[in-house]
PDB file of N, CA and C in Angstrom:
ATOM      1  N   MET A   1      74.080-194.541 156.620  1.00  0.00           N
ATOM      2  CA  MET A   1      75.208-195.081 155.888  1.00  0.00           C
ATOM      3  C   MET A   1      75.346-194.333 154.565  1.00  0.00           C
ATOM      4  N   ALA A   2      76.559-193.958 154.210  1.00  0.00           N
ATOM      5  CA  ALA A   2      76.811-193.259 152.957  1.00  0.00           C
ATOM      6  C   ALA A   2      76.763-194.242 151.789  1.00  0.00           C
ATOM      7  N   TYR A   3      76.453-193.719 150.629  1.00  0.00           N
ATOM      8  CA  TYR A   3      76.443-194.565 149.440  1.00  0.00           C
ATOM      9  C   TYR A   3      77.874-194.885 149.019  1.00  0.00           C
ATOM     10  N   ASP A   4      78.015-195.865 148.162  1.00  0.00           N
ATOM     11  CA  ASP A   4      79.315-196.315 147.664  1.00  0.00           C
ATOM     12  C   ASP A   4      79.813-195.317 146.620  1.00  0.00           C
ATOM     13  N   GLU A   5      80.788-194.497 146.998  1.00  0.00           N
ATOM     14  CA  GLU A   5      81.306-193.458 146.098  1.00  0.00           C
ATOM     15  C   GLU A   5      81.972-194.067 144.868  1.00  0.00           C
ATOM     16  N   ASP A   6      82.619-195.213 145.039  1.00  0.00           N
ATOM     17  CA  ASP A   6      83.234-195.883 143.893  1.00  0.00           C
ATOM     18  C   ASP A   6      82.161-196.285 142.878  1.00  0.00           C
ATOM     19  N   LEU A   7      81.059-196.832 143.371  1.00  0.00           N
ATOM     20  CA  LEU A   7      79.956-197.207 142.477  1.00  0.00           C
ATOM     21  C   LEU A   7      79.384-195.972 141.793  1.00  0.00           C
ATOM     22  N   ALA A   8      79.214-194.889 142.541  1.00  0.00           N
ATOM     23  CA  ALA A   8      78.700-193.647 141.946  1.00  0.00           C
ATOM     24  C   ALA A   8      79.622-193.173 140.819  1.00  0.00           C
ATOM     25  N   ASN A   9      80.930-193.270 141.026  1.00  0.00           N
ATOM     26  CA  ASN A   9      81.876-192.867 139.982  1.00  0.00           C
ATOM     27  C   ASN A   9      81.800-193.784 138.773  1.00  0.00           C
ATOM     28  N   ARG A  10      81.588-195.066 139.003  1.00  0.00           N
ATOM     29  CA  ARG A  10      81.427-196.001 137.887  1.00  0.00           C
ATOM     30  C   ARG A  10      80.177-195.666 137.080  1.00  0.00           C
ATOM     31  N   ILE A  11      79.104-195.301 137.757  1.00  0.00           N
ATOM     32  CA  ILE A  11      77.868-194.908 137.068  1.00  0.00           C
ATOM     33  C   ILE A  11      78.110-193.613 136.291  1.00  0.00           C
ATOM     34  N   ARG A  12      78.764-192.637 136.918  1.00  0.00           N
ATOM     35  CA  ARG A  12      79.082-191.371 136.232  1.00  0.00           C
ATOM     36  C   ARG A  12      79.843-191.623 134.935  1.00  0.00           C
ATOM     37  N   GLU A  13      80.797-192.534 135.007  1.00  0.00           N
ATOM     38  CA  GLU A  13      81.591-192.858 133.822  1.00  0.00           C
ATOM     39  C   GLU A  13      80.702-193.396 132.701  1.00  0.00           C
ATOM     40  N   LEU A  14      79.761-194.256 133.049  1.00  0.00           N
ATOM     41  CA  LEU A  14      78.869-194.831 132.043  1.00  0.00           C
ATOM     42  C   LEU A  14      77.890-193.804 131.483  1.00  0.00           C
ATOM     43  N   LEU A  15      77.532-192.818 132.300  1.00  0.00           N
ATOM     44  CA  LEU A  15      76.560-191.805 131.876  1.00  0.00           C
ATOM     45  C   LEU A  15      77.227-190.568 131.277  1.00  0.00           C
ATOM     46  N   GLY A  16      78.535-190.607 131.101  1.00  0.00           N
ATOM     47  CA  GLY A  16      79.302-189.451 130.662  1.00  0.00           C
ATOM     48  C   GLY A  16      78.733-188.659 129.502  1.00  0.00           C
ATOM     49  N   ARG A  17      78.215-189.306 128.498  1.00  0.00           N
ATOM     50  CA  ARG A  17      77.710-188.617 127.300  1.00  0.00           C
ATOM     51  C   ARG A  17      76.188-188.470 127.284  1.00  0.00           C
ATOM     52  N   GLU A  18      75.547-189.001 128.282  1.00  0.00           N
ATOM     53  CA  GLU A  18      74.082-188.951 128.350  1.00  0.00           C
ATOM     54  C   GLU A  18      73.630-187.526 128.655  1.00  0.00           C
ATOM     55  N   ARG A  19      72.636-187.053 127.944  1.00  0.00           N
ATOM     56  CA  ARG A  19      72.090-185.711 128.177  1.00  0.00           C
ATOM     57  C   ARG A  19      71.005-185.754 129.235  1.00  0.00           C
ATOM     58  N   GLY A  20      70.850-184.636 129.932  1.00  0.00           N
ATOM     59  CA  GLY A  20      69.770-184.498 130.893  1.00  0.00           C
ATOM     60  C   GLY A  20      69.984-185.219 132.198  1.00  0.00           C
ATOM     61  N   VAL A  21      71.230-185.549 132.543  1.00  0.00           N
ATOM     62  CA  VAL A  21      71.528-186.282 133.777  1.00  0.00           C
ATOM     63  C   VAL A  21      71.660-185.298 134.936  1.00  0.00           C
ATOM     64  N   GLU A  22      71.021-185.653 136.040  1.00  0.00           N
ATOM     65  CA  GLU A  22      71.112-184.875 137.275  1.00  0.00           C
ATOM     66  C   GLU A  22      71.348-185.864 138.414  1.00  0.00           C
ATOM     67  N   GLU A  23      72.185-185.484 139.343  1.00  0.00           N
ATOM     68  CA  GLU A  23      72.436-186.307 140.522  1.00  0.00           C
ATOM     69  C   GLU A  23      71.691-185.712 141.699  1.00  0.00           C
ATOM     70  N   LYS A  24      71.109-186.589 142.519  1.00  0.00           N
ATOM     71  CA  LYS A  24      70.338-186.121 143.667  1.00  0.00           C
ATOM     72  C   LYS A  24      70.432-187.154 144.792  1.00  0.00           C
ATOM     73  N   ARG A  25      70.717-186.686 145.982  1.00  0.00           N
ATOM     74  CA  ARG A  25      70.733-187.581 147.137  1.00  0.00           C
ATOM     75  C   ARG A  25      69.291-187.938 147.475  1.00  0.00           C
ATOM     76  N   MET A  26      69.005-189.236 147.462  1.00  0.00           N
ATOM     77  CA  MET A  26      67.658-189.728 147.736  1.00  0.00           C
ATOM     78  C   MET A  26      67.747-191.096 148.395  1.00  0.00           C
ATOM     79  N   PHE A  27      66.818-191.385 149.285  1.00  0.00           N
ATOM     80  CA  PHE A  27      66.683-192.714 149.877  1.00  0.00           C
ATOM     81  C   PHE A  27      67.994-193.210 150.488  1.00  0.00           C
ATOM     82  N   GLY A  28      68.815-192.310 151.015  1.00  0.00           N
ATOM     83  CA  GLY A  28      70.077-192.696 151.628  1.00  0.00           C
ATOM     84  C   GLY A  28      71.166-193.029 150.629  1.00  0.00           C
ATOM     85  N   GLY A  29      70.930-192.770 149.363  1.00  0.00           N
ATOM     86  CA  GLY A  29      71.912-193.053 148.323  1.00  0.00           C
ATOM     87  C   GLY A  29      72.052-191.874 147.387  1.00  0.00           C
ATOM     88  N   LEU A  30      72.641-192.109 146.235  1.00  0.00           N
ATOM     89  CA  LEU A  30      72.800-191.087 145.216  1.00  0.00           C
ATOM     90  C   LEU A  30      72.074-191.539 143.962  1.00  0.00           C
ATOM     91  N   ALA A  31      71.011-190.810 143.615  1.00  0.00           N
ATOM     92  CA  ALA A  31      70.196-191.155 142.449  1.00  0.00           C
ATOM     93  C   ALA A  31      70.673-190.381 141.224  1.00  0.00           C
ATOM     94  N   PHE A  32      70.515-190.999 140.074  1.00  0.00           N
ATOM     95  CA  PHE A  32      70.815-190.372 138.797  1.00  0.00           C
ATOM     96  C   PHE A  32      69.493-190.257 138.049  1.00  0.00           C
ATOM     97  N   LEU A  33      69.106-189.024 137.754  1.00  0.00           N
ATOM     98  CA  LEU A  33      67.849-188.752 137.078  1.00  0.00           C
ATOM     99  C   LEU A  33      68.116-188.410 135.625  1.00  0.00           C
ATOM    100  N   ILE A  34      67.211-188.817 134.769  1.00  0.00           N
ATOM    101  CA  ILE A  34      67.270-188.495 133.349  1.00  0.00           C
ATOM    102  C   ILE A  34      66.068-187.621 133.042  1.00  0.00           C
ATOM    103  N   HIS A  35      66.329-186.357 132.715  1.00  0.00           N
ATOM    104  CA  HIS A  35      65.254-185.388 132.459  1.00  0.00           C
ATOM    105  C   HIS A  35      64.220-185.393 133.584  1.00  0.00           C
ATOM    106  N   GLY A  36      64.717-185.477 134.822  1.00  0.00           N
ATOM    107  CA  GLY A  36      63.848-185.402 135.995  1.00  0.00           C
ATOM    108  C   GLY A  36      63.267-186.717 136.477  1.00  0.00           C
ATOM    109  N   ASN A  37      63.485-187.794 135.746  1.00  0.00           N
ATOM    110  CA  ASN A  37      62.969-189.111 136.137  1.00  0.00           C
ATOM    111  C   ASN A  37      64.097-189.953 136.713  1.00  0.00           C
ATOM    112  N   MET A  38      63.871-190.475 137.918  1.00  0.00           N
ATOM    113  CA  MET A  38      64.892-191.315 138.524  1.00  0.00           C
ATOM    114  C   MET A  38      65.127-192.544 137.669  1.00  0.00           C
ATOM    115  N   SER A  39      66.404-192.852 137.476  1.00  0.00           N
ATOM    116  CA  SER A  39      66.780-193.970 136.629  1.00  0.00           C
ATOM    117  C   SER A  39      67.483-195.054 137.427  1.00  0.00           C
ATOM    118  N   VAL A  40      68.583-194.708 138.047  1.00  0.00           N
ATOM    119  CA  VAL A  40      69.428-195.660 138.744  1.00  0.00           C
ATOM    120  C   VAL A  40      70.017-194.957 139.958  1.00  0.00           C
ATOM    121  N   ALA A  41      70.355-195.725 140.994  1.00  0.00           N
ATOM    122  CA  ALA A  41      70.940-195.114 142.185  1.00  0.00           C
ATOM    123  C   ALA A  41      71.953-196.040 142.835  1.00  0.00           C
ATOM    124  N   ALA A  42      73.017-195.423 143.358  1.00  0.00           N
ATOM    125  CA  ALA A  42      73.956-196.126 144.224  1.00  0.00           C
ATOM    126  C   ALA A  42      73.292-196.127 145.594  1.00  0.00           C
ATOM    127  N   ARG A  43      72.961-197.293 146.108  1.00  0.00           N
ATOM    128  CA  ARG A  43      72.201-197.408 147.351  1.00  0.00           C
ATOM    129  C   ARG A  43      73.050-197.125 148.578  1.00  0.00           C
ATOM    130  N   GLY A  44      72.416-196.570 149.587  1.00  0.00           N
ATOM    131  CA  GLY A  44      73.079-196.325 150.851  1.00  0.00           C
ATOM    132  C   GLY A  44      73.471-197.612 151.553  1.00  0.00           C
ATOM    133  N   LYS A  45      72.768-198.691 151.292  1.00  0.00           N
ATOM    134  CA  LYS A  45      73.055-199.989 151.920  1.00  0.00           C
ATOM    135  C   LYS A  45      73.881-200.878 150.999  1.00  0.00           C
ATOM    136  N   GLY A  46      74.444-200.307 149.962  1.00  0.00           N
ATOM    137  CA  GLY A  46      75.255-201.048 149.010  1.00  0.00           C
ATOM    138  C   GLY A  46      74.424-201.542 147.841  1.00  0.00           C
ATOM    139  N   GLY A  47      75.073-201.745 146.733  1.00  0.00           N
ATOM    140  CA  GLY A  47      74.394-202.213 145.538  1.00  0.00           C
ATOM    141  C   GLY A  47      73.701-201.108 144.789  1.00  0.00           C
ATOM    142  N   LEU A  48      72.818-201.508 143.925  1.00  0.00           N
ATOM    143  CA  LEU A  48      72.198-200.618 142.966  1.00  0.00           C
ATOM    144  C   LEU A  48      70.679-200.695 143.058  1.00  0.00           C
ATOM    145  N   LEU A  49      70.042-199.580 142.830  1.00  0.00           N
ATOM    146  CA  LEU A  49      68.594-199.522 142.680  1.00  0.00           C
ATOM    147  C   LEU A  49      68.347-199.136 141.226  1.00  0.00           C
ATOM    148  N   VAL A  50      67.562-199.923 140.519  1.00  0.00           N
ATOM    149  CA  VAL A  50      67.322-199.653 139.100  1.00  0.00           C
ATOM    150  C   VAL A  50      65.835-199.566 138.803  1.00  0.00           C
ATOM    151  N   ARG A  51      65.512-198.706 137.868  1.00  0.00           N
ATOM    152  CA  ARG A  51      64.140-198.555 137.400  1.00  0.00           C
ATOM    153  C   ARG A  51      64.035-199.253 136.058  1.00  0.00           C
ATOM    154  N   VAL A  52      63.053-200.124 135.936  1.00  0.00           N
ATOM    155  CA  VAL A  52      62.880-200.920 134.722  1.00  0.00           C
ATOM    156  C   VAL A  52      61.408-200.875 134.310  1.00  0.00           C
ATOM    157  N   PRO A  53      61.103-201.252 133.082  1.00  0.00           N
ATOM    158  CA  PRO A  53      59.703-201.328 132.704  1.00  0.00           C
ATOM    159  C   PRO A  53      58.960-202.271 133.659  1.00  0.00           C
ATOM    160  N   PRO A  54      57.839-201.837 134.222  1.00  0.00           N
ATOM    161  CA  PRO A  54      57.108-202.680 135.182  1.00  0.00           C
ATOM    162  C   PRO A  54      56.805-204.082 134.672  1.00  0.00           C
ATOM    163  N   ASP A  55      56.532-204.222 133.386  1.00  0.00           N
ATOM    164  CA  ASP A  55      56.216-205.535 132.836  1.00  0.00           C
ATOM    165  C   ASP A  55      57.424-206.471 132.808  1.00  0.00           C
ATOM    166  N   ASP A  56      58.629-205.930 132.953  1.00  0.00           N
ATOM    167  CA  ASP A  56      59.848-206.750 132.965  1.00  0.00           C
ATOM    168  C   ASP A  56      60.240-207.199 134.368  1.00  0.00           C
ATOM    169  N   THR A  57      59.559-206.707 135.388  1.00  0.00           N
ATOM    170  CA  THR A  57      59.946-206.957 136.777  1.00  0.00           C
ATOM    171  C   THR A  57      60.089-208.447 137.074  1.00  0.00           C
ATOM    172  N   GLU A  58      59.080-209.233 136.818  1.00  0.00           N
ATOM    173  CA  GLU A  58      59.109-210.657 137.168  1.00  0.00           C
ATOM    174  C   GLU A  58      60.249-211.387 136.461  1.00  0.00           C
ATOM    175  N   LYS A  59      60.433-211.122 135.187  1.00  0.00           N
ATOM    176  CA  LYS A  59      61.496-211.775 134.416  1.00  0.00           C
ATOM    177  C   LYS A  59      62.867-211.428 135.002  1.00  0.00           C
ATOM    178  N   LEU A  60      63.082-210.181 135.359  1.00  0.00           N
ATOM    179  CA  LEU A  60      64.384-209.751 135.873  1.00  0.00           C
ATOM    180  C   LEU A  60      64.647-210.254 137.292  1.00  0.00           C
ATOM    181  N   LEU A  61      63.590-210.498 138.054  1.00  0.00           N
ATOM    182  CA  LEU A  61      63.757-211.025 139.404  1.00  0.00           C
ATOM    183  C   LEU A  61      64.343-212.437 139.407  1.00  0.00           C
ATOM    184  N   ALA A  62      64.287-213.125 138.283  1.00  0.00           N
ATOM    185  CA  ALA A  62      64.849-214.470 138.185  1.00  0.00           C
ATOM    186  C   ALA A  62      66.372-214.454 138.087  1.00  0.00           C
ATOM    187  N   ARG A  63      66.950-213.295 137.857  1.00  0.00           N
ATOM    188  CA  ARG A  63      68.401-213.184 137.734  1.00  0.00           C
ATOM    189  C   ARG A  63      69.072-213.249 139.113  1.00  0.00           C
ATOM    190  N   ALA A  64      70.300-213.714 139.104  1.00  0.00           N
ATOM    191  CA  ALA A  64      71.075-213.786 140.344  1.00  0.00           C
ATOM    192  C   ALA A  64      71.335-212.388 140.887  1.00  0.00           C
ATOM    193  N   HIS A  65      71.307-212.256 142.205  1.00  0.00           N
ATOM    194  CA  HIS A  65      71.641-211.020 142.921  1.00  0.00           C
ATOM    195  C   HIS A  65      70.606-209.913 142.747  1.00  0.00           C
ATOM    196  N   VAL A  66      69.419-210.257 142.287  1.00  0.00           N
ATOM    197  CA  VAL A  66      68.354-209.269 142.070  1.00  0.00           C
ATOM    198  C   VAL A  66      67.212-209.564 143.025  1.00  0.00           C
ATOM    199  N   SER A  67      66.681-208.509 143.627  1.00  0.00           N
ATOM    200  CA  SER A  67      65.528-208.655 144.514  1.00  0.00           C
ATOM    201  C   SER A  67      64.595-207.473 144.308  1.00  0.00           C
ATOM    202  N   PRO A  68      63.351-207.617 144.736  1.00  0.00           N
ATOM    203  CA  PRO A  68      62.403-206.515 144.553  1.00  0.00           C
ATOM    204  C   PRO A  68      62.712-205.362 145.506  1.00  0.00           C
ATOM    205  N   MET A  69      62.381-204.175 145.087  1.00  0.00           N
ATOM    206  CA  MET A  69      62.442-203.042 145.995  1.00  0.00           C
ATOM    207  C   MET A  69      61.146-203.073 146.805  1.00  0.00           C
ATOM    208  N   VAL A  70      61.275-202.928 148.107  1.00  0.00           N
ATOM    209  CA  VAL A  70      60.115-202.962 148.987  1.00  0.00           C
ATOM    210  C   VAL A  70      60.001-201.622 149.698  1.00  0.00           C
ATOM    211  N   MET A  71      58.843-200.990 149.579  1.00  0.00           N
ATOM    212  CA  MET A  71      58.565-199.733 150.275  1.00  0.00           C
ATOM    213  C   MET A  71      57.272-199.907 151.047  1.00  0.00           C
ATOM    214  N   ALA A  72      57.290-199.498 152.288  1.00  0.00           N
ATOM    215  CA  ALA A  72      56.107-199.600 153.149  1.00  0.00           C
ATOM    216  C   ALA A  72      55.557-201.035 153.169  1.00  0.00           C
ATOM    217  N   GLY A  73      56.477-202.005 153.119  1.00  0.00           N
ATOM    218  CA  GLY A  73      56.077-203.401 153.196  1.00  0.00           C
ATOM    219  C   GLY A  73      55.534-203.993 151.913  1.00  0.00           C
ATOM    220  N   ARG A  74      55.584-203.231 150.818  1.00  0.00           N
ATOM    221  CA  ARG A  74      55.053-203.716 149.541  1.00  0.00           C
ATOM    222  C   ARG A  74      56.123-203.698 148.463  1.00  0.00           C
ATOM    223  N   GLU A  75      56.115-204.734 147.627  1.00  0.00           N
ATOM    224  CA  GLU A  75      57.024-204.761 146.484  1.00  0.00           C
ATOM    225  C   GLU A  75      56.573-203.698 145.480  1.00  0.00           C
ATOM    226  N   THR A  76      57.540-203.043 144.887  1.00  0.00           N
ATOM    227  CA  THR A  76      57.265-201.976 143.934  1.00  0.00           C
ATOM    228  C   THR A  76      57.650-202.434 142.538  1.00  0.00           C
ATOM    229  N   ARG A  77      56.653-202.715 141.700  1.00  0.00           N
ATOM    230  CA  ARG A  77      56.921-203.149 140.330  1.00  0.00           C
ATOM    231  C   ARG A  77      57.653-202.044 139.579  1.00  0.00           C
ATOM    232  N   GLY A  78      58.631-202.466 138.802  1.00  0.00           N
ATOM    233  CA  GLY A  78      59.399-201.505 138.026  1.00  0.00           C
ATOM    234  C   GLY A  78      60.642-200.994 138.744  1.00  0.00           C
ATOM    235  N   TRP A  79      60.854-201.458 139.960  1.00  0.00           N
ATOM    236  CA  TRP A  79      62.033-201.057 140.733  1.00  0.00           C
ATOM    237  C   TRP A  79      62.686-202.310 141.298  1.00  0.00           C
ATOM    238  N   LEU A  80      64.005-202.422 141.119  1.00  0.00           N
ATOM    239  CA  LEU A  80      64.732-203.601 141.574  1.00  0.00           C
ATOM    240  C   LEU A  80      65.995-203.197 142.327  1.00  0.00           C
ATOM    241  N   ARG A  81      66.382-204.073 143.240  1.00  0.00           N
ATOM    242  CA  ARG A  81      67.663-203.927 143.923  1.00  0.00           C
ATOM    243  C   ARG A  81      68.615-204.957 143.326  1.00  0.00           C
ATOM    244  N   VAL A  82      69.818-204.512 143.026  1.00  0.00           N
ATOM    245  CA  VAL A  82      70.848-205.424 142.519  1.00  0.00           C
ATOM    246  C   VAL A  82      71.998-205.375 143.526  1.00  0.00           C
ATOM    247  N   ASP A  83      72.293-206.515 144.124  1.00  0.00           N
ATOM    248  CA  ASP A  83      73.372-206.587 145.102  1.00  0.00           C
ATOM    249  C   ASP A  83      74.719-206.300 144.444  1.00  0.00           C
ATOM    250  N   ALA A  84      75.683-205.895 145.257  1.00  0.00           N
ATOM    251  CA  ALA A  84      77.025-205.574 144.756  1.00  0.00           C
ATOM    252  C   ALA A  84      77.629-206.721 143.950  1.00  0.00           C
ATOM    253  N   GLU A  85      77.322-207.965 144.323  1.00  0.00           N
ATOM    254  CA  GLU A  85      77.858-209.124 143.594  1.00  0.00           C
ATOM    255  C   GLU A  85      77.371-209.164 142.148  1.00  0.00           C
ATOM    256  N   GLY A  86      76.240-208.548 141.873  1.00  0.00           N
ATOM    257  CA  GLY A  86      75.668-208.557 140.534  1.00  0.00           C
ATOM    258  C   GLY A  86      76.128-207.421 139.643  1.00  0.00           C
ATOM    259  N   ILE A  87      77.001-206.559 140.170  1.00  0.00           N
ATOM    260  CA  ILE A  87      77.488-205.414 139.375  1.00  0.00           C
ATOM    261  C   ILE A  87      78.997-205.242 139.540  1.00  0.00           C
ATOM    262  N   ARG A  88      79.685-206.328 139.783  1.00  0.00           N
ATOM    263  CA  ARG A  88      81.142-206.260 139.999  1.00  0.00           C
ATOM    264  C   ARG A  88      81.893-205.813 138.750  1.00  0.00           C
ATOM    265  N   THR A  89      81.476-206.302 137.591  1.00  0.00           N
ATOM    266  CA  THR A  89      82.205-205.969 136.359  1.00  0.00           C
ATOM    267  C   THR A  89      81.541-204.786 135.656  1.00  0.00           C
ATOM    268  N   LYS A  90      82.308-204.158 134.788  1.00  0.00           N
ATOM    269  CA  LYS A  90      81.773-203.040 134.010  1.00  0.00           C
ATOM    270  C   LYS A  90      80.614-203.514 133.137  1.00  0.00           C
ATOM    271  N   ARG A  91      80.756-204.691 132.574  1.00  0.00           N
ATOM    272  CA  ARG A  91      79.708-205.238 131.702  1.00  0.00           C
ATOM    273  C   ARG A  91      78.399-205.444 132.468  1.00  0.00           C
ATOM    274  N   GLN A  92      78.494-205.992 133.693  1.00  0.00           N
ATOM    275  CA  GLN A  92      77.288-206.195 134.506  1.00  0.00           C
ATOM    276  C   GLN A  92      76.619-204.857 134.820  1.00  0.00           C
ATOM    277  N   LEU A  93      77.407-203.894 135.286  1.00  0.00           N
ATOM    278  CA  LEU A  93      76.853-202.586 135.630  1.00  0.00           C
ATOM    279  C   LEU A  93      76.283-201.904 134.396  1.00  0.00           C
ATOM    280  N   GLN A  94      76.996-201.968 133.290  1.00  0.00           N
ATOM    281  CA  GLN A  94      76.548-201.335 132.040  1.00  0.00           C
ATOM    282  C   GLN A  94      75.166-201.850 131.637  1.00  0.00           C
ATOM    283  N   GLY A  95      74.943-203.142 131.758  1.00  0.00           N
ATOM    284  CA  GLY A  95      73.648-203.704 131.381  1.00  0.00           C
ATOM    285  C   GLY A  95      72.506-203.109 132.187  1.00  0.00           C
ATOM    286  N   TRP A  96      72.693-203.000 133.498  1.00  0.00           N
ATOM    287  CA  TRP A  96      71.635-202.437 134.342  1.00  0.00           C
ATOM    288  C   TRP A  96      71.456-200.943 134.105  1.00  0.00           C
ATOM    289  N   VAL A  97      72.558-200.216 133.978  1.00  0.00           N
ATOM    290  CA  VAL A  97      72.458-198.765 133.758  1.00  0.00           C
ATOM    291  C   VAL A  97      71.791-198.484 132.415  1.00  0.00           C
ATOM    292  N   THR A  98      72.182-199.195 131.388  1.00  0.00           N
ATOM    293  CA  THR A  98      71.586-198.988 130.059  1.00  0.00           C
ATOM    294  C   THR A  98      70.090-199.274 130.088  1.00  0.00           C
ATOM    295  N   ARG A  99      69.700-200.386 130.687  1.00  0.00           N
ATOM    296  CA  ARG A  99      68.281-200.748 130.764  1.00  0.00           C
ATOM    297  C   ARG A  99      67.497-199.662 131.491  1.00  0.00           C
ATOM    298  N   SER A 100      68.032-199.193 132.593  1.00  0.00           N
ATOM    299  CA  SER A 100      67.352-198.197 133.417  1.00  0.00           C
ATOM    300  C   SER A 100      67.276-196.836 132.729  1.00  0.00           C
ATOM    301  N   VAL A 101      68.366-196.417 132.121  1.00  0.00           N
ATOM    302  CA  VAL A 101      68.395-195.122 131.419  1.00  0.00           C
ATOM    303  C   VAL A 101      67.455-195.152 130.220  1.00  0.00           C
ATOM    304  N   ASP A 102      67.458-196.239 129.474  1.00  0.00           N
ATOM    305  CA  ASP A 102      66.560-196.340 128.315  1.00  0.00           C
ATOM    306  C   ASP A 102      65.102-196.197 128.748  1.00  0.00           C
ATOM    307  N   TYR A 103      64.750-196.821 129.863  1.00  0.00           N
ATOM    308  CA  TYR A 103      63.374-196.716 130.337  1.00  0.00           C
ATOM    309  C   TYR A 103      63.058-195.293 130.796  1.00  0.00           C
ATOM    310  N   ALA A 104      63.932-194.715 131.599  1.00  0.00           N
ATOM    311  CA  ALA A 104      63.699-193.354 132.114  1.00  0.00           C
ATOM    312  C   ALA A 104      63.658-192.330 130.989  1.00  0.00           C
ATOM    313  N   ARG A 105      64.478-192.515 129.967  1.00  0.00           N
ATOM    314  CA  ARG A 105      64.501-191.585 128.844  1.00  0.00           C
ATOM    315  C   ARG A 105      63.173-191.586 128.088  1.00  0.00           C
ATOM    316  N   GLY A 106      62.443-192.694 128.122  1.00  0.00           N
ATOM    317  CA  GLY A 106      61.167-192.797 127.429  1.00  0.00           C
ATOM    318  C   GLY A 106      59.986-192.238 128.211  1.00  0.00           C
ATOM    319  N   LEU A 107      60.216-191.834 129.453  1.00  0.00           N
ATOM    320  CA  LEU A 107      59.132-191.261 130.272  1.00  0.00           C
ATOM    321  C   LEU A 107      58.984-189.757 129.987  1.00  0.00           C
ATOM    322  N   PRO A 108      57.816-189.192 130.253  1.00  0.00           N
ATOM    323  CA  PRO A 108      57.647-187.755 130.048  1.00  0.00           C
ATOM    324  C   PRO A 108      58.637-186.972 130.915  1.00  0.00           C
ATOM    325  N   ARG A 109      59.193-185.919 130.357  1.00  0.00           N
ATOM    326  CA  ARG A 109      60.127-185.079 131.108  1.00  0.00           C
ATOM    327  C   ARG A 109      59.416-184.364 132.240  1.00  0.00           C
ATOM    328  N   LYS A 110      60.161-184.167 133.330  1.00  0.00           N
ATOM    329  CA  LYS A 110      59.610-183.441 134.475  1.00  0.00           C
ATOM    330  C   LYS A 110      60.216-182.067 134.547  1.00  0.00           C
TER     331      LYS A 110
END
């Protein structure tokens, strides 16, 4: 399944002035990397994949339309899935993109 091109364009718009942004097809979606670190992605199955500080994972999972990212049957701390219902408005999407970009920007460059 292809990723949501409209969502990818909305993310591009929000990242317009951000430095060090690279787009890469990953995990069936389109990932946005900041200085080589994956930050946020338009998922192939719809919605958003976001990278957050691992210590914030539990708190953010309490939000509506948010679920853990699961790989190989295990939840991955610091990675969340946000359903399309949770990013309908620009304000909702902006909050997740900003949180994810801020975290990725603080990681060592690759």
